[in-house]
Amino acid sequence: MKDEASTNPMQVAGAIIILLSFIPLAFDIDYSWIITIVAATVGLLVLAQGYVISAHYNPNAGDPAPRKDSAQKNTVWGEKLVPVLEELRKGSADNPQPPGEMPPDGA
């Protein structure tokens, strides 16, 4: 979950501000370089704040209920586990190879 939060909206906004800050240089505007420097500085600050937020993100903080719901959607347990285990046992009796191993060449 922490990997999924490595990029946040503040980082994206900061990068966009930095890119847009160079637009005034394309036009013949007096002191356009000042606008570019100020906007690029603001973009860098927003980008840095986004990185700070990302570095301090803790997916285990807060209410555990959403994490439990997410985990339970991807697991089989309780009464649903019994038929899955029986199917695995039946499959291993039909195929004596351990799961995940490839048959030898020529087999």
Protein backbone atom coordinates (compact mmCIF):
# COMPACT_ATOMS: atom_id res chain seq x y z
CA MET A 1 0.00 0.00 0.00
CA LYS A 2 2.89 2.35 0.65
CA ASP A 3 4.16 1.82 -2.90
CA GLU A 4 0.75 2.80 -4.25
CA ALA A 5 0.99 6.12 -2.40
CA SER A 6 4.44 7.05 -3.71
CA THR A 7 2.95 9.70 -6.01
CA ASN A 8 0.39 12.10 -4.66
CA PRO A 9 -1.56 15.02 -6.17
CA MET A 10 0.79 17.62 -4.67
CA GLN A 11 3.75 16.14 -6.52
CA VAL A 12 1.83 16.19 -9.79
CA ALA A 13 0.67 19.77 -9.20
CA GLY A 14 4.21 20.89 -8.37
CA ALA A 15 5.58 19.33 -11.54
CA ILE A 16 2.86 20.99 -13.63
CA ILE A 17 3.52 24.39 -12.04
CA ILE A 18 7.24 24.03 -12.77
CA LEU A 19 6.56 23.17 -16.41
CA LEU A 20 4.05 26.00 -16.83
CA SER A 21 6.45 28.48 -15.25
CA PHE A 22 8.54 28.48 -18.43
CA ILE A 23 5.67 29.68 -20.63
CA PRO A 24 6.25 33.42 -19.95
CA LEU A 25 9.75 33.07 -21.41
CA ALA A 26 8.19 32.21 -24.79
CA PHE A 27 6.43 35.58 -24.97
CA ASP A 28 7.87 39.05 -25.25
CA ILE A 29 6.86 40.18 -21.77
CA ASP A 30 8.91 42.59 -19.71
CA TYR A 31 10.54 40.83 -16.78
CA SER A 32 9.18 37.43 -17.80
CA TRP A 33 12.16 35.84 -16.13
CA ILE A 34 10.90 37.10 -12.75
CA ILE A 35 7.52 35.44 -13.33
CA THR A 36 9.34 32.25 -14.33
CA ILE A 37 11.57 32.25 -11.24
CA VAL A 38 8.68 32.92 -8.85
CA ALA A 39 6.43 30.29 -10.44
CA ALA A 40 9.23 27.70 -10.60
CA THR A 41 10.04 28.34 -6.94
CA VAL A 42 6.39 27.86 -5.97
CA GLY A 43 6.31 24.67 -8.07
CA LEU A 44 9.44 23.35 -6.35
CA LEU A 45 7.96 24.08 -2.92
CA VAL A 46 4.71 22.29 -3.80
CA LEU A 47 6.67 19.37 -5.25
CA ALA A 48 8.88 19.16 -2.15
CA GLN A 49 5.82 19.22 0.12
CA GLY A 50 4.38 16.35 -1.91
CA TYR A 51 7.56 14.34 -1.40
CA VAL A 52 7.49 15.03 2.34
CA ILE A 53 3.88 13.84 2.54
CA SER A 54 4.77 10.73 0.53
CA ALA A 55 7.77 9.93 2.74
CA HIS A 56 5.71 10.18 5.92
CA TYR A 57 2.72 8.22 4.61
CA ASN A 58 1.87 5.27 6.84
CA PRO A 59 -0.70 2.88 5.39
CA ASN A 60 -1.24 1.33 8.82
CA ALA A 61 -2.28 4.58 10.48
CA GLY A 62 -5.92 5.32 11.11
CA ASP A 63 -8.94 3.07 11.12
CA PRO A 64 -8.03 -0.58 10.34
CA ALA A 65 -11.51 -1.43 8.97
CA PRO A 66 -10.77 -0.45 5.33
CA ARG A 67 -7.53 -2.47 5.39
CA LYS A 68 -9.36 -5.49 6.80
CA ASP A 69 -12.07 -5.21 4.14
CA SER A 70 -9.43 -5.01 1.41
CA ALA A 71 -7.58 -8.04 2.76
CA GLN A 72 -10.74 -10.12 3.17
CA LYS A 73 -11.68 -9.54 -0.47
CA ASN A 74 -8.43 -11.24 -1.48
CA THR A 75 -8.47 -14.16 0.96
CA VAL A 76 -10.38 -17.39 1.37
CA TRP A 77 -11.15 -18.36 4.95
CA GLY A 78 -13.77 -20.01 7.12
CA GLU A 79 -16.31 -22.25 5.42
CA LYS A 80 -15.16 -21.18 1.95
CA LEU A 81 -11.67 -22.55 2.67
CA VAL A 82 -12.71 -26.19 3.03
CA PRO A 83 -13.76 -26.76 -0.62
CA VAL A 84 -10.64 -24.99 -1.86
CA LEU A 85 -8.39 -27.25 0.25
CA GLU A 86 -10.27 -30.34 -0.93
CA GLU A 87 -9.84 -29.25 -4.55
CA LEU A 88 -6.12 -28.74 -3.97
CA ARG A 89 -5.79 -32.18 -2.37
CA LYS A 90 -7.70 -33.79 -5.22
CA GLY A 91 -5.55 -31.93 -7.77
CA SER A 92 -2.34 -33.02 -6.07
CA ALA A 93 -3.49 -36.66 -6.13
CA ASP A 94 -4.08 -36.39 -9.89
CA ASN A 95 -0.78 -34.59 -10.46
CA PRO A 96 1.96 -35.72 -8.05
CA GLN A 97 4.22 -32.79 -9.00
CA PRO A 98 4.49 -29.99 -6.46
CA PRO A 99 2.70 -26.87 -7.66
CA GLY A 100 4.83 -24.38 -9.51
CA GLU A 101 7.43 -26.85 -10.75
CA MET A 102 7.86 -27.52 -14.43
CA PRO A 103 7.97 -31.09 -15.74
CA PRO A 104 11.38 -32.32 -16.88
CA ASP A 105 12.19 -31.77 -20.57
CA GLY A 106 10.69 -34.39 -22.83
CA ALA A 107 7.94 -35.27 -20.35
